Amino acid sequence: MRLRNIPGAEEAILNSDYCIKDPKSHRGVWQEIFPLIQPIHIEIGMGKGRFIMELAAAHPEINYIGIERYSSVLLRALQKMEMSPLTNLKFICMDAAEITEVFSEHEVSRIYLNFSDPWPKDRHAKRRLTSRQFFGRYDVILSEDGQIEFKTDNQDLFSFSLEEIPQAGWHLDAFTRDLHQDPLLNKDNIMTEYEEKFSSIGNPICKLIASR
């Protein structure tokens, strides 16, 4: 379970240059916060930041924004950034449901969803980050040729996601239910904290790539 209540976490976020305090004010002008004008990729539910930090370090030609809802989790990423600063990466502490208020039309080139909350009860399906409701939000902010990449070890959530993509009017570009045994989709794969944990106990990792 994610940490949610570390004393001082919210204050640390407010005082950090790596975290955007008023993200809605940057809607449509996100390029202004980065040194270079480059494609913008975002990770929704970035956790402690391992995935997006490694990605940003490997691809200085792309600007990255990591989104995390819980301040106590985001604090861990901020601590890592203080040790290894990256000029092409910023963080936002916010609810993913507000992304269309934070990013304008076609402002984002790629979206990463990694080990998202499965919201297992049927009545909470619309809260899943791969629900048709969220795909409607992604449709607004993603560039015309943009893609969504999703990884999880939850087989039920993955099956749900595969069904939602065509229902949302999107196209499934590629998928696997065992990423680490798929030479094509596993090429240049960067593992998240959860991916390392779950794969180490034998859970196969699922991945899909979707576009319009």
N, C-alpha and C. Protein backbone atom coordinates (compact mmCIF):
# COMPACT_ATOMS: atom_id res chain seq x y z
N MET A 1 0.85 -1.20 0.00
CA MET A 1 0.00 0.00 0.00
C MET A 1 0.87 1.24 0.00
N ARG A 2 0.43 2.23 -0.73
CA ARG A 2 1.21 3.45 -0.81
C ARG A 2 1.15 4.24 0.48
N LEU A 3 2.27 4.90 0.79
CA LEU A 3 2.30 5.80 1.94
C LEU A 3 1.49 7.05 1.64
N ARG A 4 0.74 7.55 2.61
CA ARG A 4 -0.10 8.71 2.33
C ARG A 4 0.06 9.83 3.36
N ASN A 5 0.69 9.54 4.49
CA ASN A 5 0.73 10.56 5.54
C ASN A 5 2.10 10.68 6.18
N ILE A 6 3.03 11.27 5.47
CA ILE A 6 4.34 11.55 6.02
C ILE A 6 4.37 13.02 6.43
N PRO A 7 4.59 13.30 7.70
CA PRO A 7 4.62 14.70 8.15
C PRO A 7 5.62 15.52 7.35
N GLY A 8 5.20 16.68 6.91
CA GLY A 8 6.09 17.58 6.19
C GLY A 8 6.13 17.36 4.70
N ALA A 9 5.43 16.34 4.20
CA ALA A 9 5.49 16.04 2.76
C ALA A 9 4.90 17.18 1.92
N GLU A 10 3.75 17.68 2.33
CA GLU A 10 3.11 18.75 1.55
C GLU A 10 3.96 20.02 1.56
N GLU A 11 4.57 20.32 2.68
CA GLU A 11 5.43 21.51 2.78
C GLU A 11 6.65 21.35 1.88
N ALA A 12 7.23 20.14 1.86
CA ALA A 12 8.40 19.89 1.02
C ALA A 12 8.06 20.07 -0.47
N ILE A 13 6.86 19.63 -0.86
CA ILE A 13 6.42 19.76 -2.24
C ILE A 13 6.25 21.24 -2.60
N LEU A 14 5.65 22.00 -1.70
CA LEU A 14 5.44 23.42 -1.95
C LEU A 14 6.75 24.19 -2.08
N ASN A 15 7.77 23.71 -1.39
CA ASN A 15 9.07 24.40 -1.39
C ASN A 15 10.03 23.87 -2.46
N SER A 16 9.61 22.86 -3.21
CA SER A 16 10.51 22.25 -4.19
C SER A 16 10.39 22.90 -5.56
N ASP A 17 11.53 23.17 -6.18
CA ASP A 17 11.55 23.72 -7.53
C ASP A 17 11.20 22.66 -8.57
N TYR A 18 11.18 21.41 -8.16
CA TYR A 18 10.91 20.33 -9.10
C TYR A 18 9.42 20.03 -9.23
N CYS A 19 8.61 20.59 -8.33
CA CYS A 19 7.18 20.32 -8.34
C CYS A 19 6.41 21.60 -8.72
N ILE A 20 5.48 21.48 -9.66
CA ILE A 20 4.70 22.62 -10.13
C ILE A 20 3.56 22.88 -9.15
N LYS A 21 3.52 24.09 -8.59
CA LYS A 21 2.54 24.40 -7.54
C LYS A 21 1.14 24.64 -8.07
N ASP A 22 1.02 25.32 -9.21
CA ASP A 22 -0.29 25.67 -9.76
C ASP A 22 -0.37 25.16 -11.20
N PRO A 23 -0.53 23.85 -11.39
CA PRO A 23 -0.44 23.28 -12.74
C PRO A 23 -1.47 23.82 -13.72
N LYS A 24 -2.66 24.19 -13.24
CA LYS A 24 -3.69 24.68 -14.16
C LYS A 24 -3.28 25.99 -14.83
N SER A 25 -2.42 26.75 -14.19
CA SER A 25 -1.98 28.02 -14.78
C SER A 25 -1.01 27.80 -15.94
N HIS A 26 -0.51 26.58 -16.10
CA HIS A 26 0.44 26.28 -17.17
C HIS A 26 -0.23 25.62 -18.37
N ARG A 27 -1.54 25.46 -18.31
CA ARG A 27 -2.27 24.80 -19.40
C ARG A 27 -2.01 25.52 -20.73
N GLY A 28 -1.50 24.76 -21.67
CA GLY A 28 -1.21 25.31 -22.99
C GLY A 28 0.17 25.93 -23.14
N VAL A 29 0.87 26.11 -22.04
CA VAL A 29 2.20 26.75 -22.11
C VAL A 29 3.23 25.95 -21.30
N TRP A 30 3.08 24.65 -21.26
CA TRP A 30 4.00 23.82 -20.48
C TRP A 30 5.44 23.92 -20.96
N GLN A 31 5.64 24.19 -22.23
CA GLN A 31 7.00 24.28 -22.75
C GLN A 31 7.79 25.39 -22.06
N GLU A 32 7.11 26.37 -21.50
CA GLU A 32 7.79 27.51 -20.88
C GLU A 32 8.55 27.13 -19.60
N ILE A 33 8.20 26.00 -19.00
CA ILE A 33 8.87 25.63 -17.74
C ILE A 33 10.14 24.82 -17.99
N PHE A 34 10.38 24.44 -19.24
CA PHE A 34 11.56 23.63 -19.57
C PHE A 34 12.58 24.47 -20.34
N PRO A 35 13.85 24.15 -20.24
CA PRO A 35 14.89 24.89 -20.96
C PRO A 35 14.75 24.79 -22.47
N LEU A 36 14.25 23.64 -22.97
CA LEU A 36 14.15 23.42 -24.41
C LEU A 36 12.72 23.06 -24.80
N ILE A 37 12.32 23.47 -26.00
CA ILE A 37 11.01 23.10 -26.52
C ILE A 37 11.13 21.72 -27.15
N GLN A 38 10.47 20.74 -26.53
CA GLN A 38 10.58 19.34 -26.95
C GLN A 38 9.24 18.65 -26.71
N PRO A 39 9.04 17.46 -27.29
CA PRO A 39 7.80 16.73 -27.03
C PRO A 39 7.61 16.51 -25.53
N ILE A 40 6.36 16.51 -25.09
CA ILE A 40 6.04 16.29 -23.68
C ILE A 40 5.43 14.90 -23.49
N HIS A 41 6.03 14.13 -22.60
CA HIS A 41 5.50 12.83 -22.21
C HIS A 41 5.13 12.90 -20.73
N ILE A 42 4.02 12.29 -20.35
CA ILE A 42 3.62 12.30 -18.95
C ILE A 42 3.41 10.88 -18.43
N GLU A 43 3.65 10.71 -17.14
CA GLU A 43 3.32 9.46 -16.47
C GLU A 43 2.27 9.79 -15.42
N ILE A 44 1.15 9.11 -15.48
CA ILE A 44 0.08 9.31 -14.52
C ILE A 44 0.15 8.20 -13.47
N GLY A 45 0.34 8.59 -12.22
CA GLY A 45 0.55 7.62 -11.15
C GLY A 45 2.00 7.18 -11.12
N MET A 46 2.91 8.14 -10.96
CA MET A 46 4.34 7.87 -11.09
C MET A 46 4.97 7.22 -9.88
N GLY A 47 4.22 7.14 -8.76
CA GLY A 47 4.78 6.52 -7.57
C GLY A 47 6.02 7.25 -7.07
N LYS A 48 7.05 6.50 -6.75
CA LYS A 48 8.28 7.08 -6.21
C LYS A 48 9.24 7.58 -7.29
N GLY A 49 8.83 7.48 -8.54
CA GLY A 49 9.56 8.15 -9.61
C GLY A 49 10.65 7.39 -10.33
N ARG A 50 10.88 6.13 -9.98
CA ARG A 50 11.99 5.41 -10.61
C ARG A 50 11.85 5.36 -12.13
N PHE A 51 10.68 4.99 -12.62
CA PHE A 51 10.47 4.82 -14.07
C PHE A 51 10.71 6.11 -14.82
N ILE A 52 10.03 7.18 -14.43
CA ILE A 52 10.10 8.42 -15.20
C ILE A 52 11.47 9.09 -15.07
N MET A 53 12.14 8.90 -13.94
CA MET A 53 13.47 9.48 -13.78
C MET A 53 14.48 8.78 -14.69
N GLU A 54 14.40 7.47 -14.76
CA GLU A 54 15.30 6.73 -15.65
C GLU A 54 15.00 7.06 -17.11
N LEU A 55 13.71 7.23 -17.41
CA LEU A 55 13.31 7.57 -18.78
C LEU A 55 13.83 8.95 -19.16
N ALA A 56 13.67 9.91 -18.26
CA ALA A 56 14.13 11.28 -18.54
C ALA A 56 15.65 11.35 -18.68
N ALA A 57 16.36 10.56 -17.89
CA ALA A 57 17.82 10.53 -17.99
C ALA A 57 18.27 9.92 -19.31
N ALA A 58 17.52 8.94 -19.79
CA ALA A 58 17.88 8.26 -21.03
C ALA A 58 17.47 9.04 -22.28
N HIS A 59 16.51 9.98 -22.12
CA HIS A 59 15.99 10.71 -23.28
C HIS A 59 15.95 12.21 -23.00
N PRO A 60 17.09 12.86 -23.02
CA PRO A 60 17.13 14.31 -22.78
C PRO A 60 16.43 15.12 -23.86
N GLU A 61 16.10 14.47 -24.98
CA GLU A 61 15.42 15.16 -26.09
C GLU A 61 13.90 15.23 -25.88
N ILE A 62 13.43 14.75 -24.74
CA ILE A 62 11.99 14.76 -24.42
C ILE A 62 11.80 15.42 -23.06
N ASN A 63 10.74 16.20 -22.92
CA ASN A 63 10.37 16.78 -21.63
C ASN A 63 9.34 15.88 -20.95
N TYR A 64 9.55 15.62 -19.67
CA TYR A 64 8.69 14.69 -18.94
C TYR A 64 8.00 15.39 -17.76
N ILE A 65 6.77 14.96 -17.51
CA ILE A 65 6.03 15.43 -16.34
C ILE A 65 5.45 14.21 -15.64
N GLY A 66 5.79 14.06 -14.38
CA GLY A 66 5.28 12.96 -13.58
C GLY A 66 4.14 13.43 -12.69
N ILE A 67 3.04 12.69 -12.70
CA ILE A 67 1.86 13.05 -11.92
C ILE A 67 1.63 12.01 -10.84
N GLU A 68 1.50 12.47 -9.60
CA GLU A 68 1.23 11.58 -8.47
C GLU A 68 0.23 12.25 -7.53
N ARG A 69 -0.75 11.49 -7.12
CA ARG A 69 -1.82 12.04 -6.29
C ARG A 69 -1.40 12.23 -4.83
N TYR A 70 -0.59 11.31 -4.33
CA TYR A 70 -0.28 11.30 -2.90
C TYR A 70 1.03 12.00 -2.59
N SER A 71 0.97 13.01 -1.74
CA SER A 71 2.15 13.83 -1.43
C SER A 71 3.26 13.02 -0.78
N SER A 72 2.90 12.07 0.07
CA SER A 72 3.92 11.29 0.75
C SER A 72 4.69 10.38 -0.19
N VAL A 73 4.05 10.00 -1.30
CA VAL A 73 4.73 9.19 -2.31
C VAL A 73 5.60 10.08 -3.18
N LEU A 74 5.04 11.21 -3.59
CA LEU A 74 5.78 12.16 -4.41
C LEU A 74 7.02 12.66 -3.69
N LEU A 75 6.96 12.76 -2.38
CA LEU A 75 8.11 13.20 -1.61
C LEU A 75 9.33 12.33 -1.90
N ARG A 76 9.14 11.02 -2.06
CA ARG A 76 10.25 10.11 -2.34
C ARG A 76 10.91 10.46 -3.68
N ALA A 77 10.09 10.81 -4.65
CA ALA A 77 10.65 11.20 -5.96
C ALA A 77 11.42 12.51 -5.85
N LEU A 78 10.89 13.45 -5.09
CA LEU A 78 11.58 14.72 -4.91
C LEU A 78 12.95 14.52 -4.26
N GLN A 79 13.01 13.62 -3.30
CA GLN A 79 14.28 13.34 -2.63
C GLN A 79 15.29 12.76 -3.61
N LYS A 80 14.82 11.92 -4.53
CA LYS A 80 15.71 11.36 -5.55
C LYS A 80 16.18 12.44 -6.52
N MET A 81 15.27 13.35 -6.88
CA MET A 81 15.63 14.44 -7.80
C MET A 81 16.67 15.37 -7.19
N GLU A 82 16.59 15.57 -5.91
CA GLU A 82 17.57 16.43 -5.24
C GLU A 82 18.97 15.85 -5.34
N MET A 83 19.04 14.52 -5.37
CA MET A 83 20.33 13.85 -5.48
C MET A 83 20.82 13.77 -6.93
N SER A 84 19.87 13.64 -7.88
CA SER A 84 20.22 13.53 -9.30
C SER A 84 19.29 14.40 -10.13
N PRO A 85 19.50 15.72 -10.14
CA PRO A 85 18.59 16.64 -10.83
C PRO A 85 18.53 16.40 -12.34
N LEU A 86 17.35 16.59 -12.91
CA LEU A 86 17.13 16.45 -14.34
C LEU A 86 16.38 17.68 -14.84
N THR A 87 16.91 18.36 -15.82
CA THR A 87 16.29 19.60 -16.28
C THR A 87 15.06 19.35 -17.15
N ASN A 88 14.89 18.13 -17.64
CA ASN A 88 13.76 17.82 -18.53
C ASN A 88 12.65 17.05 -17.80
N LEU A 89 12.56 17.21 -16.48
CA LEU A 89 11.55 16.51 -15.70
C LEU A 89 10.98 17.40 -14.61
N LYS A 90 9.64 17.43 -14.53
CA LYS A 90 8.94 18.13 -13.46
C LYS A 90 7.86 17.22 -12.89
N PHE A 91 7.39 17.53 -11.69
CA PHE A 91 6.37 16.74 -11.02
C PHE A 91 5.14 17.58 -10.72
N ILE A 92 3.99 16.90 -10.66
CA ILE A 92 2.74 17.53 -10.25
C ILE A 92 2.06 16.63 -9.22
N CYS A 93 1.58 17.23 -8.14
CA CYS A 93 0.77 16.49 -7.16
C CYS A 93 -0.68 16.84 -7.43
N MET A 94 -1.43 15.88 -8.00
CA MET A 94 -2.81 16.18 -8.39
C MET A 94 -3.58 14.89 -8.66
N ASP A 95 -4.89 15.01 -8.76
CA ASP A 95 -5.76 13.91 -9.14
C ASP A 95 -5.79 13.82 -10.66
N ALA A 96 -5.60 12.63 -11.18
CA ALA A 96 -5.55 12.44 -12.64
C ALA A 96 -6.84 12.83 -13.34
N ALA A 97 -7.95 12.84 -12.62
CA ALA A 97 -9.22 13.20 -13.23
C ALA A 97 -9.23 14.64 -13.73
N GLU A 98 -8.26 15.45 -13.29
CA GLU A 98 -8.22 16.86 -13.66
C GLU A 98 -7.28 17.16 -14.83
N ILE A 99 -6.80 16.13 -15.52
CA ILE A 99 -5.76 16.36 -16.53
C ILE A 99 -6.20 17.28 -17.67
N THR A 100 -7.48 17.28 -18.02
CA THR A 100 -7.91 18.17 -19.11
C THR A 100 -7.94 19.62 -18.66
N GLU A 101 -7.89 19.86 -17.35
CA GLU A 101 -7.81 21.22 -16.83
C GLU A 101 -6.37 21.68 -16.72
N VAL A 102 -5.45 20.75 -16.84
CA VAL A 102 -4.02 21.03 -16.68
C VAL A 102 -3.29 21.05 -18.03
N PHE A 103 -3.72 20.20 -18.95
CA PHE A 103 -3.10 20.16 -20.28
C PHE A 103 -4.14 20.54 -21.33
N SER A 104 -3.70 21.28 -22.34
CA SER A 104 -4.61 21.71 -23.39
C SER A 104 -4.67 20.67 -24.51
N GLU A 105 -5.46 20.96 -25.53
CA GLU A 105 -5.66 20.03 -26.63
C GLU A 105 -4.34 19.67 -27.32
N HIS A 106 -4.09 18.37 -27.42
CA HIS A 106 -2.94 17.82 -28.15
C HIS A 106 -1.59 18.29 -27.60
N GLU A 107 -1.53 18.65 -26.35
CA GLU A 107 -0.29 19.18 -25.77
C GLU A 107 0.70 18.09 -25.37
N VAL A 108 0.21 16.86 -25.21
CA VAL A 108 1.02 15.74 -24.74
C VAL A 108 1.24 14.73 -25.86
N SER A 109 2.47 14.24 -26.00
CA SER A 109 2.80 13.31 -27.08
C SER A 109 2.68 11.84 -26.67
N ARG A 110 2.85 11.57 -25.39
CA ARG A 110 2.74 10.17 -24.94
C ARG A 110 2.34 10.14 -23.47
N ILE A 111 1.56 9.11 -23.11
CA ILE A 111 1.10 8.93 -21.74
C ILE A 111 1.51 7.55 -21.26
N TYR A 112 2.13 7.49 -20.10
CA TYR A 112 2.50 6.22 -19.48
C TYR A 112 1.61 5.97 -18.27
N LEU A 113 1.07 4.76 -18.19
CA LEU A 113 0.29 4.32 -17.05
C LEU A 113 0.93 3.04 -16.52
N ASN A 114 1.44 3.09 -15.32
CA ASN A 114 2.16 1.94 -14.77
C ASN A 114 1.58 1.47 -13.45
N PHE A 115 1.09 0.22 -13.44
CA PHE A 115 0.62 -0.42 -12.21
C PHE A 115 -0.40 0.46 -11.48
N SER A 116 -1.39 0.88 -12.25
CA SER A 116 -2.43 1.75 -11.73
C SER A 116 -3.33 1.01 -10.74
N ASP A 117 -3.99 1.78 -9.89
CA ASP A 117 -4.95 1.22 -8.94
C ASP A 117 -6.02 0.46 -9.72
N PRO A 118 -6.26 -0.83 -9.43
CA PRO A 118 -7.22 -1.62 -10.22
C PRO A 118 -8.69 -1.29 -9.93
N TRP A 119 -8.96 -0.62 -8.81
CA TRP A 119 -10.35 -0.33 -8.44
C TRP A 119 -11.21 -1.57 -8.74
N PRO A 120 -11.05 -2.64 -7.99
CA PRO A 120 -11.64 -3.94 -8.35
C PRO A 120 -13.17 -4.01 -8.35
N LYS A 121 -13.85 -3.14 -7.60
CA LYS A 121 -15.32 -3.20 -7.58
C LYS A 121 -15.90 -2.62 -8.87
N ASP A 122 -16.90 -3.30 -9.40
CA ASP A 122 -17.49 -2.88 -10.67
C ASP A 122 -18.00 -1.45 -10.64
N ARG A 123 -18.54 -1.03 -9.51
CA ARG A 123 -19.11 0.32 -9.44
C ARG A 123 -18.05 1.41 -9.50
N HIS A 124 -16.77 1.01 -9.37
CA HIS A 124 -15.67 1.97 -9.44
C HIS A 124 -14.93 1.90 -10.77
N ALA A 125 -15.48 1.19 -11.74
CA ALA A 125 -14.78 0.97 -13.02
C ALA A 125 -14.37 2.28 -13.69
N LYS A 126 -15.21 3.30 -13.59
CA LYS A 126 -14.89 4.56 -14.28
C LYS A 126 -13.69 5.27 -13.67
N ARG A 127 -13.26 4.82 -12.48
CA ARG A 127 -12.08 5.43 -11.85
C ARG A 127 -10.77 4.82 -12.36
N ARG A 128 -10.88 3.68 -13.02
CA ARG A 128 -9.67 3.03 -13.53
C ARG A 128 -9.05 3.89 -14.63
N LEU A 129 -7.74 4.01 -14.62
CA LEU A 129 -7.07 4.89 -15.58
C LEU A 129 -7.15 4.40 -17.01
N THR A 130 -7.62 3.16 -17.20
CA THR A 130 -7.82 2.65 -18.56
C THR A 130 -9.31 2.49 -18.88
N SER A 131 -10.15 3.19 -18.15
CA SER A 131 -11.58 3.17 -18.45
C SER A 131 -11.88 4.06 -19.65
N ARG A 132 -13.02 3.86 -20.26
CA ARG A 132 -13.39 4.70 -21.42
C ARG A 132 -13.54 6.16 -21.01
N GLN A 133 -13.89 6.38 -19.72
CA GLN A 133 -13.99 7.76 -19.24
C GLN A 133 -12.64 8.45 -19.26
N PHE A 134 -11.59 7.73 -18.84
CA PHE A 134 -10.26 8.32 -18.87
C PHE A 134 -9.72 8.41 -20.30
N PHE A 135 -10.07 7.44 -21.15
CA PHE A 135 -9.65 7.54 -22.54
C PHE A 135 -10.25 8.78 -23.20
N GLY A 136 -11.44 9.16 -22.75
CA GLY A 136 -12.04 10.40 -23.25
C GLY A 136 -11.20 11.61 -22.88
N ARG A 137 -10.63 11.59 -21.69
CA ARG A 137 -9.74 12.69 -21.26
C ARG A 137 -8.44 12.66 -22.04
N TYR A 138 -7.90 11.45 -22.24
CA TYR A 138 -6.65 11.33 -22.99
C TYR A 138 -6.83 11.82 -24.42
N ASP A 139 -8.02 11.60 -24.97
CA ASP A 139 -8.30 12.01 -26.34
C ASP A 139 -8.15 13.52 -26.51
N VAL A 140 -8.43 14.26 -25.45
CA VAL A 140 -8.34 15.72 -25.49
C VAL A 140 -6.88 16.18 -25.49
N ILE A 141 -6.07 15.62 -24.60
CA ILE A 141 -4.73 16.17 -24.38
C ILE A 141 -3.65 15.55 -25.26
N LEU A 142 -3.92 14.37 -25.83
CA LEU A 142 -2.89 13.65 -26.58
C LEU A 142 -2.83 14.14 -28.03
N SER A 143 -1.61 14.25 -28.54
CA SER A 143 -1.41 14.66 -29.94
C SER A 143 -2.03 13.62 -30.87
N GLU A 144 -2.27 14.01 -32.11
CA GLU A 144 -2.97 13.13 -33.05
C GLU A 144 -2.25 11.81 -33.26
N ASP A 145 -0.92 11.83 -33.23
CA ASP A 145 -0.16 10.60 -33.42
C ASP A 145 0.38 10.06 -32.09
N GLY A 146 -0.18 10.53 -30.98
CA GLY A 146 0.29 10.12 -29.66
C GLY A 146 -0.12 8.71 -29.29
N GLN A 147 0.57 8.16 -28.29
CA GLN A 147 0.29 6.80 -27.84
C GLN A 147 0.16 6.75 -26.32
N ILE A 148 -0.51 5.69 -25.87
CA ILE A 148 -0.61 5.39 -24.44
C ILE A 148 0.05 4.04 -24.21
N GLU A 149 0.92 3.97 -23.21
CA GLU A 149 1.55 2.71 -22.82
C GLU A 149 1.11 2.35 -21.41
N PHE A 150 0.67 1.13 -21.22
CA PHE A 150 0.12 0.69 -19.94
C PHE A 150 0.76 -0.63 -19.52
N LYS A 151 1.23 -0.68 -18.27
CA LYS A 151 1.78 -1.91 -17.71
C LYS A 151 1.10 -2.24 -16.39
N THR A 152 0.89 -3.54 -16.15
CA THR A 152 0.28 -3.99 -14.89
C THR A 152 0.57 -5.48 -14.71
N ASP A 153 0.47 -5.94 -13.47
CA ASP A 153 0.54 -7.38 -13.22
C ASP A 153 -0.85 -7.93 -12.92
N ASN A 154 -1.86 -7.04 -12.91
CA ASN A 154 -3.22 -7.43 -12.58
C ASN A 154 -3.94 -7.90 -13.86
N GLN A 155 -4.14 -9.21 -13.94
CA GLN A 155 -4.71 -9.79 -15.15
C GLN A 155 -6.14 -9.32 -15.40
N ASP A 156 -6.93 -9.17 -14.34
CA ASP A 156 -8.31 -8.71 -14.51
C ASP A 156 -8.35 -7.28 -15.04
N LEU A 157 -7.50 -6.43 -14.49
CA LEU A 157 -7.44 -5.05 -14.96
C LEU A 157 -6.97 -4.99 -16.41
N PHE A 158 -6.04 -5.86 -16.76
CA PHE A 158 -5.53 -5.87 -18.13
C PHE A 158 -6.62 -6.32 -19.10
N SER A 159 -7.38 -7.35 -18.73
CA SER A 159 -8.47 -7.81 -19.58
C SER A 159 -9.51 -6.70 -19.76
N PHE A 160 -9.83 -6.03 -18.67
CA PHE A 160 -10.75 -4.90 -18.72
C PHE A 160 -10.23 -3.84 -19.69
N SER A 161 -8.95 -3.55 -19.61
CA SER A 161 -8.34 -2.51 -20.44
C SER A 161 -8.40 -2.89 -21.92
N LEU A 162 -8.14 -4.15 -22.23
CA LEU A 162 -8.21 -4.61 -23.62
C LEU A 162 -9.62 -4.44 -24.19
N GLU A 163 -10.62 -4.64 -23.33
CA GLU A 163 -12.01 -4.50 -23.77
C GLU A 163 -12.41 -3.03 -23.92
N GLU A 164 -11.87 -2.17 -23.05
CA GLU A 164 -12.25 -0.77 -23.05
C GLU A 164 -11.70 -0.01 -24.26
N ILE A 165 -10.53 -0.39 -24.74
CA ILE A 165 -9.87 0.36 -25.81
C ILE A 165 -10.76 0.49 -27.05
N PRO A 166 -11.28 -0.61 -27.61
CA PRO A 166 -12.16 -0.44 -28.79
C PRO A 166 -13.48 0.25 -28.42
N GLN A 167 -13.97 0.00 -27.22
CA GLN A 167 -15.21 0.65 -26.79
C GLN A 167 -15.04 2.17 -26.71
N ALA A 168 -13.82 2.59 -26.40
CA ALA A 168 -13.53 4.02 -26.31
C ALA A 168 -13.21 4.63 -27.67
N GLY A 169 -13.18 3.78 -28.71
CA GLY A 169 -12.89 4.27 -30.06
C GLY A 169 -11.41 4.36 -30.36
N TRP A 170 -10.60 3.64 -29.58
CA TRP A 170 -9.15 3.64 -29.77
C TRP A 170 -8.71 2.34 -30.43
N HIS A 171 -7.43 2.31 -30.83
CA HIS A 171 -6.86 1.15 -31.52
C HIS A 171 -5.78 0.52 -30.66
N LEU A 172 -5.82 -0.80 -30.56
CA LEU A 172 -4.79 -1.53 -29.82
C LEU A 172 -3.63 -1.81 -30.76
N ASP A 173 -2.49 -1.16 -30.53
CA ASP A 173 -1.33 -1.30 -31.41
C ASP A 173 -0.54 -2.58 -31.13
N ALA A 174 -0.41 -2.91 -29.84
CA ALA A 174 0.35 -4.10 -29.46
C ALA A 174 0.02 -4.45 -28.01
N PHE A 175 0.15 -5.74 -27.67
CA PHE A 175 -0.03 -6.12 -26.27
C PHE A 175 0.62 -7.47 -26.00
N THR A 176 0.93 -7.70 -24.74
CA THR A 176 1.47 -8.98 -24.29
C THR A 176 1.05 -9.20 -22.85
N ARG A 177 0.88 -10.46 -22.50
CA ARG A 177 0.59 -10.81 -21.11
C ARG A 177 1.83 -11.32 -20.38
N ASP A 178 2.98 -11.26 -21.06
CA ASP A 178 4.23 -11.65 -20.41
C ASP A 178 5.35 -10.82 -21.00
N LEU A 179 5.42 -9.57 -20.56
CA LEU A 179 6.34 -8.58 -21.14
C LEU A 179 7.78 -9.05 -21.16
N HIS A 180 8.25 -9.59 -20.07
CA HIS A 180 9.67 -9.93 -19.97
C HIS A 180 10.08 -11.10 -20.85
N GLN A 181 9.09 -11.78 -21.44
CA GLN A 181 9.38 -12.86 -22.39
C GLN A 181 9.06 -12.44 -23.82
N ASP A 182 8.74 -11.17 -24.00
CA ASP A 182 8.41 -10.65 -25.33
C ASP A 182 9.58 -9.79 -25.80
N PRO A 183 10.40 -10.29 -26.72
CA PRO A 183 11.62 -9.56 -27.12
C PRO A 183 11.34 -8.20 -27.75
N LEU A 184 10.21 -8.06 -28.42
CA LEU A 184 9.92 -6.79 -29.08
C LEU A 184 9.45 -5.74 -28.09
N LEU A 185 8.42 -6.04 -27.30
CA LEU A 185 7.88 -5.06 -26.37
C LEU A 185 8.78 -4.84 -25.16
N ASN A 186 9.64 -5.81 -24.88
CA ASN A 186 10.54 -5.67 -23.72
C ASN A 186 11.82 -4.93 -24.06
N LYS A 187 12.02 -4.62 -25.33
CA LYS A 187 13.24 -3.91 -25.73
C LYS A 187 13.26 -2.52 -25.07
N ASP A 188 14.37 -2.21 -24.44
CA ASP A 188 14.56 -0.92 -23.76
C ASP A 188 13.56 -0.70 -22.63
N ASN A 189 12.96 -1.77 -22.12
CA ASN A 189 12.00 -1.63 -21.03
C ASN A 189 12.66 -1.10 -19.76
N ILE A 190 12.03 -0.13 -19.15
CA ILE A 190 12.47 0.39 -17.86
C ILE A 190 11.49 -0.07 -16.80
N MET A 191 11.98 -0.75 -15.79
CA MET A 191 11.09 -1.29 -14.78
C MET A 191 10.73 -0.25 -13.72
N THR A 192 9.50 -0.35 -13.24
CA THR A 192 9.07 0.46 -12.11
C THR A 192 9.38 -0.30 -10.83
N GLU A 193 9.20 0.36 -9.69
CA GLU A 193 9.40 -0.33 -8.41
C GLU A 193 8.47 -1.54 -8.28
N TYR A 194 7.19 -1.33 -8.66
CA TYR A 194 6.22 -2.43 -8.57
C TYR A 194 6.55 -3.54 -9.56
N GLU A 195 7.00 -3.19 -10.72
CA GLU A 195 7.34 -4.20 -11.72
C GLU A 195 8.45 -5.10 -11.22
N GLU A 196 9.46 -4.52 -10.64
CA GLU A 196 10.56 -5.32 -10.10
C GLU A 196 10.07 -6.23 -8.98
N LYS A 197 9.23 -5.67 -8.12
CA LYS A 197 8.70 -6.43 -6.98
C LYS A 197 7.84 -7.61 -7.45
N PHE A 198 6.89 -7.34 -8.32
CA PHE A 198 5.95 -8.38 -8.74
C PHE A 198 6.60 -9.43 -9.63
N SER A 199 7.49 -9.00 -10.52
CA SER A 199 8.15 -9.97 -11.39
C SER A 199 9.11 -10.87 -10.60
N SER A 200 9.65 -10.33 -9.51
CA SER A 200 10.58 -11.13 -8.69
C SER A 200 9.88 -12.29 -7.98
N ILE A 201 8.56 -12.18 -7.80
CA ILE A 201 7.82 -13.27 -7.16
C ILE A 201 7.06 -14.11 -8.20
N GLY A 202 7.39 -13.89 -9.46
CA GLY A 202 6.85 -14.74 -10.51
C GLY A 202 5.61 -14.25 -11.21
N ASN A 203 5.16 -13.04 -10.92
CA ASN A 203 3.98 -12.50 -11.59
C ASN A 203 4.36 -12.01 -12.99
N PRO A 204 3.72 -12.52 -14.03
CA PRO A 204 4.00 -12.00 -15.37
C PRO A 204 3.48 -10.57 -15.51
N ILE A 205 4.20 -9.77 -16.23
CA ILE A 205 3.85 -8.37 -16.42
C ILE A 205 3.14 -8.20 -17.76
N CYS A 206 2.01 -7.52 -17.75
CA CYS A 206 1.26 -7.26 -18.97
C CYS A 206 1.58 -5.85 -19.47
N LYS A 207 1.55 -5.69 -20.78
CA LYS A 207 1.75 -4.37 -21.36
C LYS A 207 0.92 -4.23 -22.62
N LEU A 208 0.40 -3.03 -22.82
CA LEU A 208 -0.29 -2.71 -24.07
C LEU A 208 0.10 -1.31 -24.54
N ILE A 209 -0.02 -1.10 -25.83
CA ILE A 209 0.19 0.21 -26.45
C ILE A 209 -1.05 0.52 -27.26
N ALA A 210 -1.62 1.70 -27.05
CA ALA A 210 -2.84 2.09 -27.75
C ALA A 210 -2.70 3.46 -28.39
N SER A 211 -3.43 3.66 -29.48
CA SER A 211 -3.47 4.95 -30.15
C SER A 211 -4.86 5.14 -30.73
N ARG A 212 -5.13 6.27 -31.33
CA ARG A 212 -6.45 6.50 -31.92
C ARG A 212 -6.61 5.69 -33.20
